[in-house]
Structure formats: C-alpha cells, structure tokens
C-alpha cells in the first residue's frame, strides 16, 4: 500500500493545469482500515478524517495510517 500512497502524494505535489491556469495543491491522506479501526462506514470515514487533520498540523503533503 505504501507505493500507492507515495504516488498519490506525489501527484498532488505537481501543479495542475486548468486551461491557462496553473493550480498548486498538496495532498494530506488519512487512512483507516476496516475492521482494524472500526466496525461501520461512518466511523471509518471519521477516523480517516481525524488522521488527515493530524497530518495537516504537521505540515501537510503526506499520509498516515491510523494508529
């Protein structure tokens, strides 16, 4: 799974071209796994969201698996 995560973060690190405009963005990816971190869809998304915000506090443009 690490190779996919690295490719996703790398894709966000390059500018997007939309017509004549160059848009720069970063990707912060929080990852939670079923059934390791929860037993329902709503909690799974909430755990991934919490983890994403942890990454943003540390500087963005990265990924983290929920502990």
N, C-alpha and C. Protein backbone atom coordinates (compact mmCIF):
# COMPACT_ATOMS: atom_id res chain seq x y z
N UNK A 1 0.82 -1.19 0.00
CA UNK A 1 0.00 0.00 0.00
C UNK A 1 0.86 1.26 0.00
N UNK A 2 2.07 1.22 0.51
CA UNK A 2 2.92 2.40 0.57
C UNK A 2 3.21 2.98 -0.81
N UNK A 3 3.42 2.16 -1.80
CA UNK A 3 3.70 2.66 -3.15
C UNK A 3 2.52 3.50 -3.67
N UNK A 4 1.31 3.05 -3.44
CA UNK A 4 0.13 3.80 -3.87
C UNK A 4 0.03 5.12 -3.11
N UNK A 5 0.27 5.11 -1.82
CA UNK A 5 0.23 6.33 -1.02
C UNK A 5 1.26 7.33 -1.52
N UNK A 6 2.47 6.88 -1.79
CA UNK A 6 3.52 7.76 -2.30
C UNK A 6 3.14 8.36 -3.64
N UNK A 7 2.56 7.55 -4.53
CA UNK A 7 2.15 8.05 -5.84
C UNK A 7 1.07 9.11 -5.73
N UNK A 8 0.13 8.92 -4.78
CA UNK A 8 -0.94 9.89 -4.60
C UNK A 8 -0.39 11.22 -4.09
N UNK A 9 0.50 11.18 -3.10
CA UNK A 9 1.09 12.41 -2.57
C UNK A 9 1.91 13.09 -3.64
N UNK A 10 2.67 12.31 -4.42
CA UNK A 10 3.49 12.87 -5.50
C UNK A 10 2.62 13.54 -6.56
N UNK A 11 1.49 12.94 -6.89
CA UNK A 11 0.60 13.52 -7.89
C UNK A 11 0.09 14.89 -7.46
N UNK A 12 -0.17 15.06 -6.17
CA UNK A 12 -0.63 16.35 -5.68
C UNK A 12 0.48 17.38 -5.60
N UNK A 13 1.71 16.94 -5.58
CA UNK A 13 2.82 17.89 -5.45
C UNK A 13 3.14 18.62 -6.75
N UNK A 14 2.63 18.11 -7.87
CA UNK A 14 2.84 18.77 -9.16
C UNK A 14 1.66 19.72 -9.44
N UNK A 15 1.93 20.86 -10.08
CA UNK A 15 0.84 21.79 -10.40
C UNK A 15 -0.15 21.17 -11.38
N UNK A 16 -1.43 21.50 -11.22
CA UNK A 16 -2.48 21.08 -12.13
C UNK A 16 -2.69 22.19 -13.15
N UNK A 17 -2.82 21.85 -14.41
CA UNK A 17 -3.09 22.83 -15.46
C UNK A 17 -4.58 22.79 -15.76
N UNK A 18 -5.24 23.91 -15.57
CA UNK A 18 -6.66 24.04 -15.92
C UNK A 18 -6.74 25.23 -16.87
N UNK A 19 -6.82 24.91 -18.15
CA UNK A 19 -6.79 25.96 -19.15
C UNK A 19 -5.46 26.70 -19.04
N UNK A 20 -5.49 28.02 -18.99
CA UNK A 20 -4.24 28.78 -18.90
C UNK A 20 -3.72 28.91 -17.46
N UNK A 21 -4.43 28.33 -16.50
CA UNK A 21 -4.08 28.48 -15.08
C UNK A 21 -3.30 27.29 -14.54
N UNK A 22 -2.32 27.58 -13.72
CA UNK A 22 -1.55 26.55 -13.04
C UNK A 22 -1.96 26.58 -11.56
N UNK A 23 -2.51 25.48 -11.07
CA UNK A 23 -3.00 25.39 -9.70
C UNK A 23 -2.08 24.49 -8.89
N UNK A 24 -1.58 25.01 -7.77
CA UNK A 24 -0.74 24.20 -6.89
C UNK A 24 -1.56 23.74 -5.69
N UNK A 25 -1.39 22.48 -5.32
CA UNK A 25 -2.13 21.90 -4.20
C UNK A 25 -1.22 20.92 -3.47
N UNK A 26 -1.65 20.52 -2.29
CA UNK A 26 -0.96 19.47 -1.56
C UNK A 26 -1.97 18.40 -1.20
N UNK A 27 -1.50 17.22 -0.92
CA UNK A 27 -2.38 16.12 -0.54
C UNK A 27 -2.06 15.64 0.86
N UNK A 28 -3.06 15.62 1.72
CA UNK A 28 -2.92 15.05 3.05
C UNK A 28 -3.90 13.89 3.13
N UNK A 29 -3.39 12.69 3.33
CA UNK A 29 -4.21 11.49 3.24
C UNK A 29 -4.22 10.77 4.58
N UNK A 30 -5.40 10.71 5.19
CA UNK A 30 -5.59 9.95 6.42
C UNK A 30 -6.18 8.59 6.07
N UNK A 31 -5.61 7.54 6.61
CA UNK A 31 -6.03 6.19 6.25
C UNK A 31 -6.51 5.44 7.49
N UNK A 32 -7.69 4.86 7.40
CA UNK A 32 -8.19 3.96 8.43
C UNK A 32 -8.66 2.69 7.73
N UNK A 33 -8.55 1.58 8.43
CA UNK A 33 -8.84 0.28 7.82
C UNK A 33 -10.00 -0.42 8.53
N UNK A 34 -10.84 -1.03 7.75
CA UNK A 34 -11.91 -1.87 8.27
C UNK A 34 -11.42 -3.31 8.25
N UNK A 35 -11.59 -4.08 9.26
CA UNK A 35 -12.24 -3.82 10.55
C UNK A 35 -11.26 -3.44 11.66
N UNK A 36 -10.01 -3.16 11.31
CA UNK A 36 -8.99 -2.86 12.33
C UNK A 36 -9.32 -1.64 13.18
N UNK A 37 -9.88 -0.59 12.59
CA UNK A 37 -10.08 0.66 13.31
C UNK A 37 -11.53 0.95 13.65
N UNK A 38 -12.46 0.16 13.14
CA UNK A 38 -13.87 0.39 13.43
C UNK A 38 -14.71 -0.73 12.82
N UNK A 39 -16.03 -0.64 13.07
CA UNK A 39 -16.92 -1.68 12.55
C UNK A 39 -18.02 -1.14 11.65
N UNK A 40 -17.98 0.18 11.34
CA UNK A 40 -19.01 0.73 10.46
C UNK A 40 -18.42 1.82 9.57
N UNK A 41 -19.11 2.09 8.50
CA UNK A 41 -18.66 3.04 7.47
C UNK A 41 -18.47 4.45 8.02
N UNK A 42 -19.42 4.92 8.80
CA UNK A 42 -19.36 6.30 9.32
C UNK A 42 -18.13 6.50 10.20
N UNK A 43 -17.85 5.55 11.07
CA UNK A 43 -16.68 5.65 11.95
C UNK A 43 -15.39 5.52 11.16
N UNK A 44 -15.38 4.68 10.14
CA UNK A 44 -14.21 4.50 9.29
C UNK A 44 -13.81 5.84 8.66
N UNK A 45 -14.78 6.55 8.12
CA UNK A 45 -14.52 7.85 7.50
C UNK A 45 -14.08 8.86 8.55
N UNK A 46 -14.72 8.86 9.72
CA UNK A 46 -14.36 9.80 10.78
C UNK A 46 -12.92 9.57 11.25
N UNK A 47 -12.50 8.32 11.39
CA UNK A 47 -11.13 8.01 11.82
C UNK A 47 -10.12 8.47 10.76
N UNK A 48 -10.42 8.25 9.49
CA UNK A 48 -9.53 8.72 8.41
C UNK A 48 -9.45 10.24 8.42
N UNK A 49 -10.57 10.90 8.65
CA UNK A 49 -10.61 12.36 8.70
C UNK A 49 -9.76 12.90 9.86
N UNK A 50 -9.90 12.29 11.04
CA UNK A 50 -9.09 12.68 12.20
C UNK A 50 -7.60 12.57 11.88
N UNK A 51 -7.23 11.46 11.26
CA UNK A 51 -5.84 11.22 10.93
C UNK A 51 -5.33 12.23 9.90
N UNK A 52 -6.18 12.59 8.95
CA UNK A 52 -5.80 13.60 7.95
C UNK A 52 -5.49 14.93 8.63
N UNK A 53 -6.30 15.33 9.59
CA UNK A 53 -6.06 16.60 10.28
C UNK A 53 -4.79 16.56 11.13
N UNK A 54 -4.43 15.39 11.66
CA UNK A 54 -3.14 15.25 12.36
C UNK A 54 -1.99 15.57 11.40
N UNK A 55 -2.08 15.07 10.18
CA UNK A 55 -1.05 15.31 9.16
C UNK A 55 -0.98 16.80 8.82
N UNK A 56 -2.12 17.43 8.65
CA UNK A 56 -2.15 18.85 8.29
C UNK A 56 -1.48 19.71 9.37
N UNK A 57 -1.62 19.33 10.62
CA UNK A 57 -0.98 20.07 11.72
C UNK A 57 0.54 19.96 11.65
N UNK A 58 1.04 18.85 11.08
CA UNK A 58 2.49 18.63 11.00
C UNK A 58 3.11 19.18 9.73
N UNK A 59 2.33 19.71 8.82
CA UNK A 59 2.94 20.30 7.64
C UNK A 59 2.36 19.87 6.31
N UNK A 60 1.39 19.05 6.28
CA UNK A 60 0.69 18.67 5.06
C UNK A 60 1.53 17.83 4.10
N UNK A 61 0.91 17.54 2.96
CA UNK A 61 1.54 16.82 1.85
C UNK A 61 2.19 15.51 2.28
N UNK A 62 1.39 14.69 2.97
CA UNK A 62 1.88 13.40 3.45
C UNK A 62 0.69 12.47 3.64
N UNK A 63 0.94 11.32 4.22
CA UNK A 63 -0.12 10.38 4.54
C UNK A 63 0.22 9.71 5.87
N UNK A 64 -0.81 9.17 6.49
CA UNK A 64 -0.63 8.47 7.76
C UNK A 64 -1.71 7.44 7.93
N UNK A 65 -1.33 6.27 8.41
CA UNK A 65 -2.27 5.22 8.76
C UNK A 65 -2.68 5.42 10.21
N UNK A 66 -3.98 5.34 10.48
CA UNK A 66 -4.49 5.48 11.84
C UNK A 66 -3.81 4.46 12.74
N UNK A 67 -3.37 4.91 13.91
CA UNK A 67 -2.68 4.01 14.85
C UNK A 67 -3.68 3.26 15.70
